[in-house]
Amino acid sequence: MRLSEIHGMRIYSDRAHFIGTIDDTIIDDKEGMVVGLVFGRKEGKAISIPYSGLMAIGDIVLVYSKKTEQAGA
């Protein structure tokens, strides 16, 4: 999937809560890999989800909820 295709996609938690829409991506320039997705800004700082927090990308982006991540960690 191309990065241009995920821009604007809706993000939902695994508990069916709407999180936001993808505004930008965070890329590790040394490795050339996506490390996170930006879905908003607060006080001038990007609000993002780490790539490891993604469950699936299809018609929407599905992410693990915080409670699920903590239980699995």
Protein backbone atom coordinates (compact mmCIF):
# COMPACT_ATOMS: atom_id res chain seq x y z
CA MET A 1 0.00 0.00 0.00
CA ARG A 2 1.28 3.48 -0.84
CA LEU A 3 1.50 6.20 1.80
CA SER A 4 -0.64 8.45 -0.38
CA GLU A 5 -3.44 5.86 -0.13
CA ILE A 6 -3.61 5.94 3.67
CA HIS A 7 -3.75 9.74 4.00
CA GLY A 8 -7.25 10.66 5.19
CA MET A 9 -8.19 7.12 6.26
CA ARG A 10 -10.31 6.84 9.39
CA ILE A 11 -8.72 5.28 12.49
CA TYR A 12 -10.77 3.14 14.89
CA SER A 13 -9.80 1.32 18.07
CA ASP A 14 -10.39 -2.39 18.52
CA ARG A 15 -13.31 -1.32 20.72
CA ALA A 16 -14.97 0.48 17.77
CA HIS A 17 -14.14 4.02 18.97
CA PHE A 18 -13.35 6.60 16.29
CA ILE A 19 -9.85 7.98 16.92
CA GLY A 20 -9.37 10.39 14.00
CA THR A 21 -8.11 10.49 10.42
CA ILE A 22 -4.54 10.05 9.21
CA ASP A 23 -2.92 13.42 8.54
CA ASP A 24 0.67 12.32 8.06
CA THR A 25 3.16 9.49 8.53
CA ILE A 26 6.35 9.28 10.59
CA ILE A 27 9.22 7.63 8.76
CA ASP A 28 12.57 6.47 10.13
CA ASP A 29 14.84 8.03 7.53
CA LYS A 30 17.75 5.71 8.36
CA GLU A 31 15.74 2.51 7.94
CA GLY A 32 13.20 3.86 5.42
CA MET A 33 10.30 2.38 7.39
CA VAL A 34 7.02 3.81 8.67
CA VAL A 35 7.19 4.07 12.48
CA GLY A 36 3.93 5.90 13.18
CA LEU A 37 0.78 7.59 11.92
CA VAL A 38 -0.13 11.19 12.80
CA PHE A 39 -3.83 11.84 13.35
CA GLY A 40 -3.90 15.34 14.84
CA ARG A 41 -2.07 18.08 16.66
CA LYS A 42 -2.32 19.38 20.20
CA GLU A 43 -0.48 22.48 21.35
CA GLY A 44 1.61 22.40 18.18
CA LYS A 45 2.77 18.81 18.68
CA ALA A 46 1.78 15.85 16.51
CA ILE A 47 -0.50 13.24 18.05
CA SER A 48 0.48 9.86 16.68
CA ILE A 49 0.06 6.12 16.96
CA PRO A 50 3.18 3.94 16.75
CA TYR A 51 3.23 1.43 13.92
CA SER A 52 3.39 -1.37 16.49
CA GLY A 53 -0.06 -0.26 17.71
CA LEU A 54 -1.73 -1.06 14.37
CA MET A 55 -3.89 -4.17 14.04
CA ALA A 56 -4.89 -3.84 10.39
CA ILE A 57 -5.15 -1.44 7.46
CA GLY A 58 -7.92 -1.93 4.91
CA ASP A 59 -10.89 0.34 4.29
CA ILE A 60 -10.13 1.77 7.76
CA VAL A 61 -7.16 1.62 10.12
CA LEU A 62 -7.71 -0.54 13.18
CA VAL A 63 -5.52 0.01 16.25
CA TYR A 64 -5.16 -1.68 19.61
CA SER A 65 -6.82 0.13 22.49
CA LYS A 66 -4.57 1.22 25.35
CA LYS A 67 -6.05 -1.36 27.74
CA THR A 68 -5.34 -4.16 25.25
CA GLU A 69 -1.74 -2.98 24.75
CA GLN A 70 -1.10 -2.85 28.49
CA ALA A 71 -2.58 -6.31 29.03
CA GLY A 72 -0.44 -7.76 26.24
CA ALA A 73 2.77 -6.04 27.29
